[in-house]
């Protein structure tokens, strides 16, 4: 179901201290925007309503996080979830930033400069797109997208990926090596022996209730083949 336009979203986000209003102006200096700029930087692509990001960031004050989504009407929910989690923890929101941006055009906001070096990228339940050949290139795990992430990922930086869609998962197992990533861990049923570190997303809970297992993997940035 398509989410309704929220006229209050833009003004509330612009007034939020941890919302980045002009992300393209921060290119090359993301680390400097945080209270503790020397901490590792992690990125969630398609943070949606922010339930995962809010819990993750509040549990790990030693890491800085950036959450990106495409529209304000979704990001406003992330903003409110983050506010709620930090208030419950009695802490200021000082290690997470959120912003609206088209992830397919992420080089416009992040570079390979030292100030943008990312150690980990999270991609959770992204759009699998339909099976038409021309549509799959829009997947956040498609080889062409992975090559963009390489530019700002540290050497041996990681991609953590979860999804419900079998076709998307199987295709991603091929996209990653083609873009110079080594798959270091994977499962086709994350909850069969759920790791302590897993934070369940809203979609994860929904698909689990439907009896659809969560597929997951971790991939490490390696050397890029000269044929790419």
Foldseek 3Di string as FASTA:
>chain_A
DDDDDDPVLVVVLVPDPQEDPDLLVCAQAQLVSFPHSVAAEEEEEACFLQLVVLVVCVVCVRYAYEYEHADSSRVSSSVVNNVVSCVVVVHDPGRYHYYHDQLVPCCSRYALHPNQAHQEYEYEAFDCFDDDPVGNCSTCLALVNLLVVVGRYDAFRKYKYKHLDPVSVVVSVVSQVQNQKAWPDWDLACPVPPDPPDDADPVQVVVVVVVGGMIITMITHHDHDPVD
